[in-house]
Amino acid sequence: MSTNRLKLEVNALKEGMFVADLDCPWHETPFPLQGFYIRMDDDVKALSEYCKFVYVDVKREKVKTVHANHAVPSSEKGKKGISGSSENNPEIELPPIVVKAPHHYEASVSINKEVARVEKLHRHVYDAIDQVFLTVEQGGDVSIKETESVAKGMVESVIRNPDALVWLSKMNEIDAYSYQHSVKSSIWALVLGRHMGLKKEMLETLALGVLLSHIGKARVAQKVLDAYPDLESSQLSAYQQYVEKSVELLTEIEGLPSGVASIVEFHQERHNGTGYPKGVTGERIPLLAKIAGLVDYYQELITPRDDELGMSPYDAVARLYELRNIAFQKDLVERFIEAVGVYPTGTLVELSSEEVGIVTGHNEDRRLQPKVMVVLDAQKRAMKCGKVVDLKEVNRDRNVLSIKDSLPKGAYDIDEQRYLLSGATSKWSWRHLASSFASG
């Protein structure tokens, strides 16, 4: 046990303490993250239902309230948003989101087959958004026919398998930030919407709204966009006008599906009223706009506009978790973590066996135990063919294998696409598992 860790009774926990471990397995609790800050009395109450003792990391303890210290990421500097004091960051509790007659989706094809099927669609999505931005910049009449078509294609793909487009978005990097950001955000939005059981028509509206949410930036001065996120006060107002400019552009489009404009109009609003341009609170933000705002923020955390290195997916969902009922509605944050996992599809991870793999899928009831394609052995030597291990199944009787850490894209010169397209062995032998520990 680390000397930084202190064993405490649950009822002795205080706001700002970081719970690093429990006296019971994490996967037997409802907590979406393996480690989190105590932010409210409800956190202590929830812990007391599952644990008598916990282990706190004393080095990570915060003297002030957690949402005061952690509310503003580096990518939010200069923006009106979550302020730095608890007084200005009130929490708002709303009834849980209820989706009427939610649809239950089952994956109908493997990730391998779906990636091969939608690679061309993925390229067409970027082409469609690129054309919209170009038309706006040139002052032409915007048509969203092609964008609407690719949005429907994206919905069909996510319904068949929610992981394929996530994988492709990680494999393909486009230079134009606004296009890349909108496309990747729309994929996260669809994965969350699918998980929530939204009907196909709502998913299509959601995808189109997120894809078009940043088109107003084509009418914002480039020097303002380049200065983001370190904006001067005069630039801040000019930057935030992109939302209103986006809405203005959409009102000029004939046949725009109902609901798309409201997604764009409200996607920068925040649950406790600290967003823009209206500063409304959660009860006035439409559901699809809430989803759009959350995924937009998450994508910016992992891929900032400036040259700063983005957060790891784990740190990004941890940030979202800290902002529940502050920036984003609590149950929406939790549903998002359920949908994308703590380690999203395509994330490179190092296992406790010292092997390295790529996350290829999730287990909703075991968020910390996804399916992983192992591609490097314990000595970090490339394997000819990836081997898939389902951490949930491997650890069914006892904990023998876990994720040690997430790795940056491109670590160890791993070509993730090669392993996916070349196929992987799904059978994971206990003999191989035993030998991996022995060699480690």
Protein backbone atom coordinates (compact mmCIF):
# COMPACT_ATOMS: atom_id res chain seq x y z
CA MET A 1 0.00 0.00 0.00
CA SER A 2 1.36 3.44 -0.94
CA THR A 3 2.56 5.60 1.97
CA ASN A 4 0.39 8.37 0.48
CA ARG A 5 -2.74 6.38 1.26
CA LEU A 6 -4.61 6.61 4.53
CA LYS A 7 -7.30 4.17 5.64
CA LEU A 8 -10.41 5.96 6.91
CA GLU A 9 -13.90 5.07 7.98
CA VAL A 10 -16.38 6.28 5.40
CA ASN A 11 -18.15 8.56 7.89
CA ALA A 12 -14.83 10.35 8.50
CA LEU A 13 -14.57 11.52 4.88
CA LYS A 14 -14.53 15.26 4.22
CA GLU A 15 -15.14 17.37 1.14
CA GLY A 16 -12.02 17.58 -1.03
CA MET A 17 -10.60 14.17 -0.05
CA PHE A 18 -9.63 11.85 -2.92
CA VAL A 19 -10.93 8.31 -2.54
CA ALA A 20 -8.28 6.13 -4.18
CA ASP A 21 -9.51 2.66 -3.20
CA LEU A 22 -12.29 0.83 -1.39
CA ASP A 23 -12.51 -2.13 0.97
CA CYS A 24 -14.53 -3.91 -1.73
CA PRO A 25 -14.07 -4.37 -5.51
CA TRP A 26 -14.90 -1.24 -7.55
CA HIS A 27 -16.95 -3.22 -10.05
CA GLU A 28 -19.36 -4.24 -7.28
CA THR A 29 -20.29 -0.58 -6.71
CA PRO A 30 -22.16 1.91 -8.93
CA PHE A 31 -19.28 4.40 -9.01
CA PRO A 32 -18.24 4.98 -12.64
CA LEU A 33 -14.64 5.89 -11.82
CA GLN A 34 -11.94 4.07 -9.91
CA GLY A 35 -11.00 7.01 -7.73
CA PHE A 36 -12.83 10.33 -7.22
CA TYR A 37 -13.04 13.41 -5.02
CA ILE A 38 -15.60 13.75 -2.26
CA ARG A 39 -17.63 16.74 -3.34
CA MET A 40 -20.85 16.51 -1.40
CA ASP A 41 -22.53 14.66 1.47
CA ASP A 42 -24.32 12.45 -1.04
CA ASP A 43 -20.95 10.97 -2.07
CA VAL A 44 -20.28 9.89 1.52
CA LYS A 45 -23.79 8.50 1.86
CA ALA A 46 -23.42 6.49 -1.36
CA LEU A 47 -20.06 5.09 -0.22
CA SER A 48 -21.48 4.06 3.15
CA GLU A 49 -23.92 1.71 1.40
CA TYR A 50 -21.03 -0.37 0.02
CA CYS A 51 -18.00 0.22 2.24
CA LYS A 52 -16.97 0.54 5.86
CA PHE A 53 -13.49 1.82 5.06
CA VAL A 54 -11.83 3.57 2.12
CA TYR A 55 -8.29 4.59 1.27
CA VAL A 56 -7.69 8.29 0.58
CA ASP A 57 -4.70 9.69 -1.28
CA VAL A 58 -3.48 12.44 1.04
CA LYS A 59 -1.31 14.03 -1.67
CA ARG A 60 -4.34 14.62 -3.86
CA GLU A 61 -6.52 16.13 -1.15
CA LYS A 62 -7.88 19.59 -1.93
CA VAL A 63 -8.34 22.19 0.78
CA LYS A 64 -11.00 24.12 -1.12
CA THR A 65 -14.07 22.59 -2.64
CA VAL A 66 -13.35 20.37 -5.57
CA HIS A 67 -15.50 22.22 -8.06
CA ALA A 68 -13.74 25.45 -7.13
CA ASN A 69 -10.33 24.00 -7.82
CA HIS A 70 -11.14 21.81 -10.80
CA ALA A 71 -13.96 23.50 -12.64
CA VAL A 72 -11.94 25.31 -15.29
CA PRO A 73 -9.63 23.25 -17.53
CA SER A 74 -6.83 24.94 -19.43
CA SER A 75 -8.93 24.71 -22.57
CA GLU A 76 -11.56 26.95 -20.93
CA LYS A 77 -9.25 29.87 -20.11
CA GLY A 78 -10.70 33.15 -21.30
CA LYS A 79 -14.17 31.74 -21.85
CA LYS A 80 -17.25 32.61 -19.89
CA GLY A 81 -18.10 29.35 -18.22
CA ILE A 82 -17.54 27.68 -14.88
CA SER A 83 -16.09 30.29 -12.55
CA GLY A 84 -13.51 29.60 -9.89
CA SER A 85 -15.52 29.94 -6.69
CA SER A 86 -18.11 27.72 -5.09
CA GLU A 87 -20.41 30.74 -4.61
CA ASN A 88 -20.45 31.31 -8.37
CA ASN A 89 -20.76 27.61 -9.10
CA PRO A 90 -24.05 26.56 -7.54
CA GLU A 91 -25.21 23.00 -7.98
CA ILE A 92 -28.64 22.39 -9.43
CA GLU A 93 -30.54 19.18 -8.76
CA LEU A 94 -33.13 18.23 -11.36
CA PRO A 95 -35.27 15.10 -11.67
CA PRO A 96 -33.51 12.34 -13.65
CA ILE A 97 -33.86 12.47 -17.43
CA VAL A 98 -36.57 10.11 -18.63
CA VAL A 99 -36.67 8.93 -22.25
CA LYS A 100 -40.20 7.86 -23.11
CA ALA A 101 -40.38 4.31 -24.45
CA PRO A 102 -36.59 3.99 -24.91
CA HIS A 103 -35.43 1.77 -27.73
CA HIS A 104 -33.02 -1.03 -26.87
CA TYR A 105 -30.30 -1.46 -29.49
CA GLU A 106 -28.22 -4.61 -29.94
CA ALA A 107 -24.96 -4.64 -31.90
CA SER A 108 -25.72 -6.57 -35.08
CA VAL A 109 -22.22 -6.72 -36.62
CA SER A 110 -18.64 -6.92 -35.37
CA ILE A 111 -16.48 -3.82 -35.11
CA ASN A 112 -14.19 -5.21 -37.84
CA LYS A 113 -17.01 -5.58 -40.34
CA GLU A 114 -18.56 -2.23 -39.48
CA VAL A 115 -15.26 -0.34 -39.81
CA ALA A 116 -14.74 -1.81 -43.26
CA ARG A 117 -18.30 -0.88 -44.12
CA VAL A 118 -18.20 2.79 -43.05
CA GLU A 119 -14.65 3.92 -43.83
CA LYS A 120 -15.89 5.66 -46.98
CA LEU A 121 -18.80 7.21 -45.06
CA HIS A 122 -16.37 8.56 -42.46
CA ARG A 123 -14.42 10.38 -45.18
CA HIS A 124 -17.64 11.69 -46.71
CA VAL A 125 -18.67 13.19 -43.36
CA TYR A 126 -15.57 15.39 -43.36
CA ASP A 127 -16.10 16.30 -46.99
CA ALA A 128 -19.70 17.34 -46.30
CA ILE A 129 -18.80 19.55 -43.31
CA ASP A 130 -15.83 20.98 -45.21
CA GLN A 131 -18.19 22.03 -48.02
CA VAL A 132 -20.61 23.69 -45.58
CA PHE A 133 -17.81 25.75 -44.00
CA LEU A 134 -16.42 26.67 -47.41
CA THR A 135 -19.84 27.82 -48.66
CA VAL A 136 -20.33 29.99 -45.57
CA GLU A 137 -16.89 31.55 -45.96
CA GLN A 138 -17.64 32.36 -49.59
CA GLY A 139 -21.04 33.83 -48.77
CA GLY A 140 -23.00 31.26 -50.76
CA ASP A 141 -26.32 29.57 -50.06
CA VAL A 142 -25.78 26.71 -47.64
CA SER A 143 -27.24 23.33 -48.51
CA ILE A 144 -27.28 20.59 -45.91
CA LYS A 145 -28.47 17.78 -48.19
CA GLU A 146 -25.12 16.01 -48.15
CA THR A 147 -24.63 16.64 -44.43
CA GLU A 148 -28.11 15.30 -43.69
CA SER A 149 -27.34 12.21 -45.75
CA VAL A 150 -24.08 11.43 -43.97
CA ALA A 151 -25.74 12.09 -40.58
CA LYS A 152 -28.30 9.40 -41.37
CA GLY A 153 -25.47 7.08 -42.42
CA MET A 154 -23.70 7.73 -39.13
CA VAL A 155 -26.86 6.87 -37.20
CA GLU A 156 -27.26 3.59 -39.08
CA SER A 157 -23.63 2.70 -38.33
CA VAL A 158 -23.85 3.51 -34.61
CA ILE A 159 -27.04 1.46 -34.36
CA ARG A 160 -25.28 -1.54 -35.94
CA ASN A 161 -22.17 -1.17 -33.78
CA PRO A 162 -21.44 1.87 -31.58
CA ASP A 163 -17.68 1.32 -31.55
CA ALA A 164 -16.75 1.43 -35.25
CA LEU A 165 -17.05 5.18 -35.84
CA VAL A 166 -15.35 5.89 -32.50
CA TRP A 167 -12.45 3.73 -33.68
CA LEU A 168 -12.25 5.47 -37.05
CA SER A 169 -12.36 8.92 -35.45
CA LYS A 170 -9.27 8.03 -33.43
CA MET A 171 -7.43 6.59 -36.42
CA ASN A 172 -8.01 9.51 -38.79
CA GLU A 173 -6.76 12.97 -37.87
CA ILE A 174 -7.94 15.91 -39.98
CA ASP A 175 -5.99 19.17 -39.84
CA ALA A 176 -9.00 21.51 -39.83
CA TYR A 177 -9.89 21.64 -36.15
CA SER A 178 -13.49 22.81 -36.48
CA TYR A 179 -14.39 19.99 -38.88
CA GLN A 180 -12.63 17.38 -36.79
CA HIS A 181 -14.16 18.65 -33.56
CA SER A 182 -17.73 18.69 -34.88
CA VAL A 183 -17.47 15.24 -36.46
CA LYS A 184 -15.93 13.59 -33.41
CA SER A 185 -18.39 15.30 -31.07
CA SER A 186 -21.27 14.04 -33.19
CA ILE A 187 -19.98 10.47 -32.87
CA TRP A 188 -19.84 10.74 -29.07
CA ALA A 189 -23.35 12.22 -29.15
CA LEU A 190 -24.72 9.29 -31.14
CA VAL A 191 -23.07 6.73 -28.89
CA LEU A 192 -24.65 8.42 -25.85
CA GLY A 193 -28.02 8.85 -27.56
CA ARG A 194 -28.05 5.19 -28.59
CA HIS A 195 -27.23 4.16 -25.02
CA MET A 196 -30.12 6.29 -23.73
CA GLY A 197 -32.51 4.60 -26.14
CA LEU A 198 -33.34 7.62 -28.29
CA LYS A 199 -35.42 6.83 -31.35
CA LYS A 200 -33.70 6.78 -34.74
CA GLU A 201 -35.32 10.08 -35.82
CA MET A 202 -34.00 11.82 -32.69
CA LEU A 203 -30.54 10.39 -33.29
CA GLU A 204 -30.56 11.81 -36.81
CA THR A 205 -31.57 15.25 -35.49
CA LEU A 206 -28.87 15.01 -32.81
CA ALA A 207 -26.14 14.08 -35.30
CA LEU A 208 -27.07 16.87 -37.69
CA GLY A 209 -27.27 19.44 -34.91
CA VAL A 210 -23.84 18.62 -33.52
CA LEU A 211 -22.27 18.47 -36.99
CA LEU A 212 -23.57 22.00 -37.71
CA SER A 213 -23.06 23.47 -34.24
CA HIS A 214 -19.83 25.30 -35.12
CA ILE A 215 -20.56 26.58 -38.64
CA GLY A 216 -20.84 30.14 -37.31
CA LYS A 217 -17.09 30.09 -36.71
CA ALA A 218 -16.70 30.51 -40.47
CA ARG A 219 -17.90 34.09 -39.83
CA VAL A 220 -15.62 34.74 -36.84
CA ALA A 221 -12.30 36.49 -37.49
CA GLN A 222 -9.46 33.99 -37.86
CA LYS A 223 -7.28 35.93 -35.41
CA VAL A 224 -9.96 35.42 -32.75
CA LEU A 225 -10.14 31.68 -33.46
CA ASP A 226 -6.34 31.44 -33.40
CA ALA A 227 -6.19 33.22 -30.02
CA TYR A 228 -8.57 30.74 -28.38
CA PRO A 229 -8.54 29.77 -25.53
CA ASP A 230 -6.33 32.68 -24.33
CA LEU A 231 -8.81 35.36 -25.36
CA GLU A 232 -8.76 39.00 -24.33
CA SER A 233 -12.05 40.40 -23.03
CA SER A 234 -12.72 42.10 -26.36
CA GLN A 235 -12.09 38.86 -28.22
CA LEU A 236 -14.22 36.80 -25.85
CA SER A 237 -17.45 38.46 -26.95
CA ALA A 238 -16.50 38.07 -30.61
CA TYR A 239 -15.74 34.39 -30.13
CA GLN A 240 -18.96 33.60 -28.28
CA GLN A 241 -20.96 35.17 -31.11
CA TYR A 242 -20.28 32.07 -33.18
CA VAL A 243 -23.33 30.45 -31.56
CA GLU A 244 -25.68 33.21 -32.69
CA LYS A 245 -24.04 33.32 -36.12
CA SER A 246 -24.57 29.57 -36.42
CA VAL A 247 -28.26 29.94 -35.59
CA GLU A 248 -28.62 32.79 -38.10
CA LEU A 249 -27.11 30.64 -40.83
CA LEU A 250 -29.44 27.76 -40.02
CA THR A 251 -32.56 29.96 -40.24
CA GLU A 252 -31.64 30.62 -43.87
CA ILE A 253 -31.66 26.91 -44.75
CA GLU A 254 -34.86 25.54 -46.24
CA GLY A 255 -36.13 22.22 -44.99
CA LEU A 256 -34.01 22.17 -41.85
CA PRO A 257 -35.30 19.31 -39.65
CA SER A 258 -37.14 20.43 -36.54
CA GLY A 259 -34.95 20.52 -33.44
CA VAL A 260 -31.59 21.09 -35.16
CA ALA A 261 -31.55 24.86 -34.55
CA SER A 262 -32.29 24.48 -30.83
CA ILE A 263 -29.34 22.09 -30.44
CA VAL A 264 -27.05 24.71 -31.93
CA GLU A 265 -28.65 27.56 -29.98
CA PHE A 266 -28.25 25.93 -26.55
CA HIS A 267 -25.15 23.72 -26.87
CA GLN A 268 -22.90 26.17 -24.98
CA GLU A 269 -25.37 26.68 -22.12
CA ARG A 270 -24.50 25.03 -18.82
CA HIS A 271 -26.59 23.24 -16.20
CA ASN A 272 -26.12 25.90 -13.50
CA GLY A 273 -26.50 28.90 -15.82
CA THR A 274 -22.80 29.68 -16.33
CA GLY A 275 -22.84 29.08 -20.08
CA TYR A 276 -23.55 31.37 -23.02
CA PRO A 277 -25.10 33.17 -24.87
CA LYS A 278 -28.31 33.21 -22.76
CA GLY A 279 -27.00 31.94 -19.40
CA VAL A 280 -30.07 29.72 -18.87
CA THR A 281 -30.13 26.84 -16.40
CA GLY A 282 -30.70 23.14 -16.94
CA GLU A 283 -34.49 23.06 -16.87
CA ARG A 284 -34.53 25.38 -19.92
CA ILE A 285 -31.93 23.51 -21.96
CA PRO A 286 -33.43 20.95 -24.41
CA LEU A 287 -32.27 17.36 -23.91
CA LEU A 288 -30.48 17.07 -27.27
CA ALA A 289 -28.67 20.36 -26.60
CA LYS A 290 -27.58 19.03 -23.18
CA ILE A 291 -26.07 16.03 -24.94
CA ALA A 292 -24.43 18.28 -27.54
CA GLY A 293 -22.91 20.50 -24.87
CA LEU A 294 -21.50 17.61 -22.88
CA VAL A 295 -19.87 15.86 -25.84
CA ASP A 296 -18.55 19.16 -27.21
CA TYR A 297 -16.87 19.84 -23.87
CA TYR A 298 -15.50 16.29 -23.59
CA GLN A 299 -14.02 16.43 -27.09
CA GLU A 300 -12.33 19.73 -26.29
CA LEU A 301 -10.82 18.24 -23.14
CA ILE A 302 -9.17 15.39 -25.03
CA THR A 303 -8.32 17.44 -28.14
CA PRO A 304 -7.90 21.16 -27.33
CA ARG A 305 -7.87 23.71 -30.14
CA ASP A 306 -4.49 25.10 -29.09
CA ASP A 307 -1.22 23.20 -29.09
CA GLU A 308 -1.62 21.90 -25.55
CA LEU A 309 -1.67 18.16 -25.04
CA GLY A 310 -5.21 17.03 -24.34
CA MET A 311 -6.34 15.06 -21.34
CA SER A 312 -6.40 11.29 -21.38
CA PRO A 313 -9.94 9.88 -21.75
CA TYR A 314 -9.79 8.74 -18.12
CA ASP A 315 -8.92 12.24 -16.86
CA ALA A 316 -11.57 13.76 -19.12
CA VAL A 317 -14.40 11.63 -17.73
CA ALA A 318 -13.06 12.32 -14.23
CA ARG A 319 -13.40 16.05 -14.98
CA LEU A 320 -16.97 15.52 -16.18
CA TYR A 321 -17.73 13.56 -13.03
CA GLU A 322 -16.51 16.46 -10.89
CA LEU A 323 -18.80 18.82 -12.82
CA ARG A 324 -22.00 16.80 -12.38
CA ASN A 325 -24.92 19.08 -11.47
CA ILE A 326 -22.62 22.07 -11.99
CA ALA A 327 -21.88 22.23 -15.71
CA PHE A 328 -23.84 19.15 -16.73
CA GLN A 329 -26.77 17.24 -15.30
CA LYS A 330 -25.60 14.44 -13.02
CA ASP A 331 -27.43 11.52 -14.60
CA LEU A 332 -26.43 12.62 -18.10
CA VAL A 333 -22.75 12.54 -17.06
CA GLU A 334 -23.21 9.07 -15.61
CA ARG A 335 -24.98 7.82 -18.74
CA PHE A 336 -22.16 9.21 -20.87
CA ILE A 337 -19.55 7.34 -18.83
CA GLU A 338 -21.64 4.19 -19.15
CA ALA A 339 -21.86 4.68 -22.92
CA VAL A 340 -18.25 5.47 -23.86
CA GLY A 341 -16.53 3.77 -20.95
CA VAL A 342 -13.70 5.05 -18.82
CA TYR A 343 -11.42 3.86 -21.62
CA PRO A 344 -13.20 4.57 -24.95
CA THR A 345 -12.85 2.28 -27.94
CA GLY A 346 -9.47 2.77 -29.61
CA THR A 347 -7.68 3.78 -26.38
CA LEU A 348 -4.21 2.30 -25.95
CA VAL A 349 -3.75 0.75 -22.51
CA GLU A 350 -1.05 -1.08 -20.56
CA LEU A 351 -2.23 -4.09 -18.60
CA SER A 352 -1.06 -5.28 -15.19
CA SER A 353 0.73 -8.09 -17.07
CA GLU A 354 2.90 -5.37 -18.75
CA GLU A 355 1.30 -6.21 -22.09
CA VAL A 356 -0.11 -3.40 -24.23
CA GLY A 357 -3.47 -3.47 -25.95
CA ILE A 358 -6.23 -1.50 -27.65
CA VAL A 359 -9.72 -1.19 -26.18
CA THR A 360 -12.21 -2.66 -28.66
CA GLY A 361 -15.45 -2.72 -26.69
CA HIS A 362 -17.13 -2.31 -23.32
CA ASN A 363 -19.07 -4.16 -20.67
CA GLU A 364 -21.77 -1.85 -19.36
CA ASP A 365 -21.82 -3.54 -15.95
CA ARG A 366 -18.00 -3.51 -15.71
CA ARG A 367 -16.83 -0.09 -16.88
CA LEU A 368 -13.29 -0.72 -15.68
CA GLN A 369 -13.11 -4.10 -17.42
CA PRO A 370 -13.48 -3.55 -21.19
CA LYS A 371 -12.56 -5.84 -24.05
CA VAL A 372 -8.92 -5.32 -25.03
CA MET A 373 -6.97 -6.47 -28.08
CA VAL A 374 -3.45 -7.26 -26.84
CA VAL A 375 -0.89 -6.23 -29.48
CA LEU A 376 2.43 -6.12 -27.58
CA ASP A 377 3.73 -8.78 -25.22
CA ALA A 378 5.21 -8.07 -21.78
CA GLN A 379 8.57 -7.24 -23.39
CA LYS A 380 6.78 -4.74 -25.66
CA ARG A 381 7.36 -6.89 -28.74
CA ALA A 382 4.72 -6.68 -31.46
CA MET A 383 2.44 -9.69 -31.82
CA LYS A 384 1.72 -10.96 -35.31
CA CYS A 385 -1.99 -11.03 -34.62
CA GLY A 386 -3.82 -9.24 -31.85
CA LYS A 387 -5.53 -11.39 -29.24
CA VAL A 388 -8.76 -10.18 -27.67
CA VAL A 389 -9.24 -10.53 -23.92
CA ASP A 390 -12.51 -9.69 -22.20
CA LEU A 391 -11.37 -8.43 -18.80
CA LYS A 392 -14.80 -9.11 -17.35
CA GLU A 393 -14.63 -12.79 -18.29
CA VAL A 394 -10.98 -13.21 -17.31
CA ASN A 395 -11.70 -11.76 -13.86
CA ARG A 396 -15.01 -13.54 -13.32
CA ASP A 397 -13.77 -15.74 -10.44
CA ARG A 398 -10.88 -13.63 -9.18
CA ASN A 399 -9.03 -10.47 -10.18
CA VAL A 400 -6.03 -11.55 -12.22
CA LEU A 401 -5.71 -8.92 -14.95
CA SER A 402 -6.49 -5.20 -15.01
CA ILE A 403 -5.68 -1.98 -16.81
CA LYS A 404 -2.58 -0.39 -15.33
CA ASP A 405 -2.62 2.85 -17.33
CA SER A 406 -3.88 4.51 -20.50
CA LEU A 407 -1.28 5.44 -23.11
CA PRO A 408 -1.11 8.28 -25.64
CA LYS A 409 -2.03 7.61 -29.25
CA GLY A 410 0.94 6.22 -31.18
CA ALA A 411 2.73 4.86 -28.10
CA TYR A 412 5.33 2.21 -28.99
CA ASP A 413 4.66 3.06 -32.67
CA ILE A 414 1.52 0.94 -32.60
CA ASP A 415 -0.54 1.05 -35.78
CA GLU A 416 -4.00 0.38 -34.34
CA GLN A 417 -5.62 0.21 -37.76
CA ARG A 418 -3.36 -2.63 -38.88
CA TYR A 419 -4.45 -4.87 -36.06
CA LEU A 420 -8.13 -4.18 -36.55
CA LEU A 421 -8.05 -4.83 -40.28
CA SER A 422 -5.80 -7.88 -40.02
CA GLY A 423 -8.18 -9.45 -37.53
CA ALA A 424 -7.73 -10.69 -34.01
CA THR A 425 -7.99 -13.96 -32.21
CA SER A 426 -10.91 -13.83 -29.83
CA LYS A 427 -9.94 -16.91 -27.84
CA TRP A 428 -7.81 -16.05 -24.83
CA SER A 429 -6.21 -19.06 -23.21
CA TRP A 430 -5.47 -19.29 -19.53
CA ARG A 431 -2.12 -20.81 -20.49
CA HIS A 432 -1.25 -17.61 -22.35
CA LEU A 433 -2.40 -15.53 -19.40
CA ALA A 434 -0.27 -17.54 -16.99
CA SER A 435 2.77 -17.29 -19.26
CA SER A 436 2.34 -13.53 -19.57
CA PHE A 437 2.55 -13.15 -15.80
CA ALA A 438 5.51 -15.48 -15.63
CA SER A 439 7.40 -13.53 -18.29
CA GLY A 440 6.54 -10.23 -16.58
